[in-house]
Amino acid sequence: MNCRIILTETAKEDIRNIAFYITEQTKDKAVAAGFVKELQKKYKILEAFPECGSVPKDRVMVSSGYRYLTHKNYLIFYTYEKEEKTVYILAVFNAKRDYMRVMKRFI
């Protein structure tokens, strides 16, 4: 199965902010770029396996079709539109944050 992956503007901004944060913390743009590539590699698996992500514990999120992948200390939230064969990456953020508060804007 070859699905198309679309990053929302929110997800793109999240990834940029993560890269800026890593650059600020490490003082090394290469480290940040490497991490972004790791994130991309992680969510690219959804092209072939769009339903491989974990299902959140929240009932509302489950009923809305949300899933997520983990990469190190980060969560990658997405939805999969089976009829369109499209995965929408909605948000990427640190797993220490309250995911319900972050994802509330999508529900």
C-alpha atoms as a PDB file:
ATOM      1  CA  MET A   1       0.000   0.000   0.000  1.00  0.00           C
ATOM      2  CA  ASN A   2       1.463   3.348  -0.967  1.00  0.00           C
ATOM      3  CA  CYS A   3      -0.110   6.166   0.972  1.00  0.00           C
ATOM      4  CA  ARG A   4       0.537   9.817   0.519  1.00  0.00           C
ATOM      5  CA  ILE A   5       1.765  11.727   3.576  1.00  0.00           C
ATOM      6  CA  ILE A   6       0.721  15.326   4.100  1.00  0.00           C
ATOM      7  CA  LEU A   7       2.137  17.463   6.881  1.00  0.00           C
ATOM      8  CA  THR A   8      -0.224  20.132   8.148  1.00  0.00           C
ATOM      9  CA  GLU A   9       1.124  23.639   8.646  1.00  0.00           C
ATOM     10  CA  THR A  10       0.973  22.982  12.396  1.00  0.00           C
ATOM     11  CA  ALA A  11       3.155  19.881  12.044  1.00  0.00           C
ATOM     12  CA  LYS A  12       5.653  21.747   9.844  1.00  0.00           C
ATOM     13  CA  GLU A  13       5.865  24.531  12.419  1.00  0.00           C
ATOM     14  CA  ASP A  14       6.260  21.981  15.220  1.00  0.00           C
ATOM     15  CA  ILE A  15       9.192  20.348  13.422  1.00  0.00           C
ATOM     16  CA  ARG A  16      10.817  23.746  12.777  1.00  0.00           C
ATOM     17  CA  ASN A  17      10.442  24.649  16.455  1.00  0.00           C
ATOM     18  CA  ILE A  18      11.963  21.335  17.512  1.00  0.00           C
ATOM     19  CA  ALA A  19      14.912  21.939  15.177  1.00  0.00           C
ATOM     20  CA  PHE A  20      15.395  25.461  16.541  1.00  0.00           C
ATOM     21  CA  TYR A  21      15.252  24.163  20.105  1.00  0.00           C
ATOM     22  CA  ILE A  22      17.809  21.412  19.432  1.00  0.00           C
ATOM     23  CA  THR A  23      20.091  23.894  17.662  1.00  0.00           C
ATOM     24  CA  GLU A  24      19.806  26.275  20.602  1.00  0.00           C
ATOM     25  CA  GLN A  25      20.545  23.533  23.120  1.00  0.00           C
ATOM     26  CA  THR A  26      23.407  21.867  21.250  1.00  0.00           C
ATOM     27  CA  LYS A  27      24.770  24.870  19.324  1.00  0.00           C
ATOM     28  CA  ASP A  28      25.018  22.486  16.373  1.00  0.00           C
ATOM     29  CA  LYS A  29      22.705  22.735  13.348  1.00  0.00           C
ATOM     30  CA  ALA A  30      23.866  19.317  12.143  1.00  0.00           C
ATOM     31  CA  VAL A  31      22.467  17.657  15.268  1.00  0.00           C
ATOM     32  CA  ALA A  32      19.104  19.343  14.701  1.00  0.00           C
ATOM     33  CA  ALA A  33      19.088  18.406  11.012  1.00  0.00           C
ATOM     34  CA  GLY A  34      19.918  14.809  11.920  1.00  0.00           C
ATOM     35  CA  PHE A  35      17.032  14.663  14.361  1.00  0.00           C
ATOM     36  CA  VAL A  36      14.610  16.058  11.785  1.00  0.00           C
ATOM     37  CA  LYS A  37      15.767  13.376   9.328  1.00  0.00           C
ATOM     38  CA  GLU A  38      15.133  10.730  11.992  1.00  0.00           C
ATOM     39  CA  LEU A  39      11.607  12.086  12.486  1.00  0.00           C
ATOM     40  CA  GLN A  40      10.989  12.012   8.741  1.00  0.00           C
ATOM     41  CA  LYS A  41      12.254   8.445   8.505  1.00  0.00           C
ATOM     42  CA  LYS A  42       9.931   7.482  11.352  1.00  0.00           C
ATOM     43  CA  TYR A  43       6.766   8.898   9.801  1.00  0.00           C
ATOM     44  CA  LYS A  44       7.679   7.719   6.272  1.00  0.00           C
ATOM     45  CA  ILE A  45       6.892   4.194   7.475  1.00  0.00           C
ATOM     46  CA  LEU A  46       3.242   5.304   7.307  1.00  0.00           C
ATOM     47  CA  GLU A  47       3.458   5.238   3.491  1.00  0.00           C
ATOM     48  CA  ALA A  48       3.462   1.448   3.649  1.00  0.00           C
ATOM     49  CA  PHE A  49       1.849   0.870   7.057  1.00  0.00           C
ATOM     50  CA  PRO A  50      -0.609   3.704   7.751  1.00  0.00           C
ATOM     51  CA  GLU A  51      -2.324   1.920  10.620  1.00  0.00           C
ATOM     52  CA  CYS A  52       0.825   0.943  12.505  1.00  0.00           C
ATOM     53  CA  GLY A  53       0.644   3.795  15.005  1.00  0.00           C
ATOM     54  CA  SER A  54      -0.632   3.425  18.542  1.00  0.00           C
ATOM     55  CA  VAL A  55      -4.176   4.390  19.444  1.00  0.00           C
ATOM     56  CA  PRO A  56      -4.558   7.064  22.151  1.00  0.00           C
ATOM     57  CA  LYS A  57      -6.305   6.154  25.398  1.00  0.00           C
ATOM     58  CA  ASP A  58      -8.810   8.990  25.086  1.00  0.00           C
ATOM     59  CA  ARG A  59     -12.180   7.846  23.680  1.00  0.00           C
ATOM     60  CA  VAL A  60     -12.826  11.068  21.766  1.00  0.00           C
ATOM     61  CA  MET A  61      -9.466  10.831  20.043  1.00  0.00           C
ATOM     62  CA  VAL A  62     -10.048   7.174  19.207  1.00  0.00           C
ATOM     63  CA  SER A  63     -13.465   7.910  17.738  1.00  0.00           C
ATOM     64  CA  SER A  64     -11.911  10.709  15.661  1.00  0.00           C
ATOM     65  CA  GLY A  65      -9.381   8.272  14.184  1.00  0.00           C
ATOM     66  CA  TYR A  66      -6.220   9.670  15.772  1.00  0.00           C
ATOM     67  CA  ARG A  67      -3.091   7.577  16.018  1.00  0.00           C
ATOM     68  CA  TYR A  68       0.469   8.371  16.976  1.00  0.00           C
ATOM     69  CA  LEU A  69       4.036   7.250  16.544  1.00  0.00           C
ATOM     70  CA  THR A  70       6.805   7.780  19.050  1.00  0.00           C
ATOM     71  CA  HIS A  71      10.342   8.823  18.297  1.00  0.00           C
ATOM     72  CA  LYS A  72      12.625   9.262  21.279  1.00  0.00           C
ATOM     73  CA  ASN A  73      10.825  11.813  23.484  1.00  0.00           C
ATOM     74  CA  TYR A  74       8.419  12.970  20.774  1.00  0.00           C
ATOM     75  CA  LEU A  75       4.922  12.045  19.636  1.00  0.00           C
ATOM     76  CA  ILE A  76       3.809  12.267  16.011  1.00  0.00           C
ATOM     77  CA  PHE A  77       0.009  12.495  15.853  1.00  0.00           C
ATOM     78  CA  TYR A  78      -1.769  11.672  12.618  1.00  0.00           C
ATOM     79  CA  THR A  79      -4.980  10.527  10.994  1.00  0.00           C
ATOM     80  CA  TYR A  80      -5.360   8.087   8.137  1.00  0.00           C
ATOM     81  CA  GLU A  81      -8.008   8.607   5.465  1.00  0.00           C
ATOM     82  CA  LYS A  82      -8.357   5.124   3.995  1.00  0.00           C
ATOM     83  CA  GLU A  83     -10.499   6.137   1.007  1.00  0.00           C
ATOM     84  CA  GLU A  84      -7.988   8.831   0.010  1.00  0.00           C
ATOM     85  CA  LYS A  85      -4.968   6.646   0.856  1.00  0.00           C
ATOM     86  CA  THR A  86      -3.623   9.692   2.695  1.00  0.00           C
ATOM     87  CA  VAL A  87      -1.988  10.166   6.080  1.00  0.00           C
ATOM     88  CA  TYR A  88      -2.228  13.626   7.641  1.00  0.00           C
ATOM     89  CA  ILE A  89       0.511  14.434  10.151  1.00  0.00           C
ATOM     90  CA  LEU A  90      -1.220  16.834  12.543  1.00  0.00           C
ATOM     91  CA  ALA A  91       1.301  17.629  15.257  1.00  0.00           C
ATOM     92  CA  VAL A  92       4.741  16.699  16.565  1.00  0.00           C
ATOM     93  CA  PHE A  93       5.631  17.521  20.151  1.00  0.00           C
ATOM     94  CA  ASN A  94       7.505  16.426  23.256  1.00  0.00           C
ATOM     95  CA  ALA A  95       5.888  13.454  24.972  1.00  0.00           C
ATOM     96  CA  LYS A  96       6.216  15.194  28.341  1.00  0.00           C
ATOM     97  CA  ARG A  97       3.474  17.619  27.292  1.00  0.00           C
ATOM     98  CA  ASP A  98      -0.156  16.794  27.962  1.00  0.00           C
ATOM     99  CA  TYR A  99      -1.181  15.452  24.561  1.00  0.00           C
ATOM    100  CA  MET A 100      -4.877  16.089  25.190  1.00  0.00           C
ATOM    101  CA  ARG A 101      -4.211  19.776  25.753  1.00  0.00           C
ATOM    102  CA  VAL A 102      -2.098  19.981  22.591  1.00  0.00           C
ATOM    103  CA  MET A 103      -4.516  17.990  20.451  1.00  0.00           C
ATOM    104  CA  LYS A 104      -7.649  19.770  21.723  1.00  0.00           C
ATOM    105  CA  ARG A 105      -7.380  22.212  18.814  1.00  0.00           C
ATOM    106  CA  PHE A 106      -7.933  19.358  16.349  1.00  0.00           C
ATOM    107  CA  ILE A 107     -10.918  17.751  18.098  1.00  0.00           C
END
